[in-house]
Amino acid sequence: MKRYDLRHLKDEFEPRMKEILASHPEKEVAIFLFEIGDFTPIQRSADLVKECGYELMNSLKFNEVDWTVVAKKA
């Protein structure tokens, strides 16, 4: 299990998240932390996880501004 903090990227987290998913070891869980802002990044992150061939295992609000996505290679 590896955690990736993408909060510093603000709303531009998707390219880095895609890069990480492409190189992440199979069968290992990836945890992503990013800022949600207006909640549109939540659906975008779920779509990206699916597009990269991963299973979205969990998606939840971490605190007032942060969101956590847990994914594993399908």
C-alpha atoms as a PDB file:
ATOM      1  CA  MET A   1       0.000   0.000   0.000  1.00  0.00           C
ATOM      2  CA  LYS A   2       1.433   3.365  -1.007  1.00  0.00           C
ATOM      3  CA  ARG A   3       0.024   6.822  -0.392  1.00  0.00           C
ATOM      4  CA  TYR A   4       0.431   9.670  -2.857  1.00  0.00           C
ATOM      5  CA  ASP A   5      -0.223  13.224  -1.682  1.00  0.00           C
ATOM      6  CA  LEU A   6      -1.405  15.291  -4.648  1.00  0.00           C
ATOM      7  CA  ARG A   7      -2.849  18.181  -2.640  1.00  0.00           C
ATOM      8  CA  HIS A   8      -0.068  20.543  -3.714  1.00  0.00           C
ATOM      9  CA  LEU A   9      -1.243  20.178  -7.333  1.00  0.00           C
ATOM     10  CA  LYS A  10      -4.669  21.646  -6.461  1.00  0.00           C
ATOM     11  CA  ASP A  11      -7.100  21.070  -9.379  1.00  0.00           C
ATOM     12  CA  GLU A  12      -4.307  19.893 -11.718  1.00  0.00           C
ATOM     13  CA  PHE A  13      -3.744  16.490 -10.076  1.00  0.00           C
ATOM     14  CA  GLU A  14      -4.963  14.297 -12.954  1.00  0.00           C
ATOM     15  CA  PRO A  15      -1.789  14.129 -15.106  1.00  0.00           C
ATOM     16  CA  ARG A  16       0.307  13.135 -12.089  1.00  0.00           C
ATOM     17  CA  MET A  17      -2.304  10.646 -10.894  1.00  0.00           C
ATOM     18  CA  LYS A  18      -2.370   9.025 -14.347  1.00  0.00           C
ATOM     19  CA  GLU A  19       1.435   8.851 -14.395  1.00  0.00           C
ATOM     20  CA  ILE A  20       1.472   7.165 -10.988  1.00  0.00           C
ATOM     21  CA  LEU A  21      -1.214   4.651 -11.961  1.00  0.00           C
ATOM     22  CA  ALA A  22       0.705   3.749 -15.112  1.00  0.00           C
ATOM     23  CA  SER A  23       3.821   2.866 -13.114  1.00  0.00           C
ATOM     24  CA  HIS A  24       2.246   1.557  -9.906  1.00  0.00           C
ATOM     25  CA  PRO A  25       2.979  -2.134  -9.133  1.00  0.00           C
ATOM     26  CA  GLU A  26       0.099  -4.512  -9.832  1.00  0.00           C
ATOM     27  CA  LYS A  27      -1.796  -5.938  -6.871  1.00  0.00           C
ATOM     28  CA  GLU A  28      -0.577  -3.076  -4.671  1.00  0.00           C
ATOM     29  CA  VAL A  29      -3.115  -0.596  -3.334  1.00  0.00           C
ATOM     30  CA  ALA A  30      -2.637   3.082  -4.225  1.00  0.00           C
ATOM     31  CA  ILE A  31      -4.053   5.783  -1.983  1.00  0.00           C
ATOM     32  CA  PHE A  32      -4.399   9.278  -3.422  1.00  0.00           C
ATOM     33  CA  LEU A  33      -5.033  12.419  -1.432  1.00  0.00           C
ATOM     34  CA  PHE A  34      -6.176  15.560  -3.281  1.00  0.00           C
ATOM     35  CA  GLU A  35      -8.178  18.755  -2.770  1.00  0.00           C
ATOM     36  CA  ILE A  36     -11.820  18.601  -3.809  1.00  0.00           C
ATOM     37  CA  GLY A  37     -12.769  22.249  -4.245  1.00  0.00           C
ATOM     38  CA  ASP A  38     -16.194  22.142  -5.930  1.00  0.00           C
ATOM     39  CA  PHE A  39     -16.503  18.312  -5.914  1.00  0.00           C
ATOM     40  CA  THR A  40     -16.003  17.902  -9.699  1.00  0.00           C
ATOM     41  CA  PRO A  41     -12.529  16.354  -9.134  1.00  0.00           C
ATOM     42  CA  ILE A  42     -14.206  13.421  -7.384  1.00  0.00           C
ATOM     43  CA  GLN A  43     -15.934  12.165 -10.521  1.00  0.00           C
ATOM     44  CA  ARG A  44     -12.881  12.972 -12.646  1.00  0.00           C
ATOM     45  CA  SER A  45     -10.666  10.908 -10.342  1.00  0.00           C
ATOM     46  CA  ALA A  46     -13.104   7.974 -10.424  1.00  0.00           C
ATOM     47  CA  ASP A  47     -13.208   8.110 -14.231  1.00  0.00           C
ATOM     48  CA  LEU A  48      -9.404   8.232 -14.396  1.00  0.00           C
ATOM     49  CA  VAL A  49      -9.060   5.221 -12.097  1.00  0.00           C
ATOM     50  CA  LYS A  50     -11.391   3.210 -14.339  1.00  0.00           C
ATOM     51  CA  GLU A  51      -9.710   4.442 -17.531  1.00  0.00           C
ATOM     52  CA  CYS A  52      -6.328   3.219 -16.226  1.00  0.00           C
ATOM     53  CA  GLY A  53      -7.700  -0.276 -15.523  1.00  0.00           C
ATOM     54  CA  TYR A  54      -7.933   0.079 -11.752  1.00  0.00           C
ATOM     55  CA  GLU A  55     -10.768  -0.736  -9.388  1.00  0.00           C
ATOM     56  CA  LEU A  56     -11.993   2.087  -7.171  1.00  0.00           C
ATOM     57  CA  MET A  57     -12.031   0.513  -3.736  1.00  0.00           C
ATOM     58  CA  ASN A  58     -12.949   3.567  -1.687  1.00  0.00           C
ATOM     59  CA  SER A  59     -13.549   7.288  -2.098  1.00  0.00           C
ATOM     60  CA  LEU A  60     -14.184   9.468   0.912  1.00  0.00           C
ATOM     61  CA  LYS A  61     -13.870  12.919   2.368  1.00  0.00           C
ATOM     62  CA  PHE A  62     -10.730  13.132   4.486  1.00  0.00           C
ATOM     63  CA  ASN A  63     -11.395  16.526   6.099  1.00  0.00           C
ATOM     64  CA  GLU A  64     -12.987  19.831   5.089  1.00  0.00           C
ATOM     65  CA  VAL A  65     -11.056  20.211   1.802  1.00  0.00           C
ATOM     66  CA  ASP A  66      -9.312  16.917   1.087  1.00  0.00           C
ATOM     67  CA  TRP A  67     -10.506  13.720  -0.543  1.00  0.00           C
ATOM     68  CA  THR A  68      -9.010  10.228  -0.466  1.00  0.00           C
ATOM     69  CA  VAL A  69      -9.252   7.700  -3.294  1.00  0.00           C
ATOM     70  CA  VAL A  70      -8.144   4.089  -2.831  1.00  0.00           C
ATOM     71  CA  ALA A  71      -7.509   2.054  -5.986  1.00  0.00           C
ATOM     72  CA  LYS A  72      -6.102  -1.335  -6.935  1.00  0.00           C
ATOM     73  CA  LYS A  73      -5.257  -2.806 -10.336  1.00  0.00           C
ATOM     74  CA  ALA A  74      -8.328  -4.700 -11.563  1.00  0.00           C
END
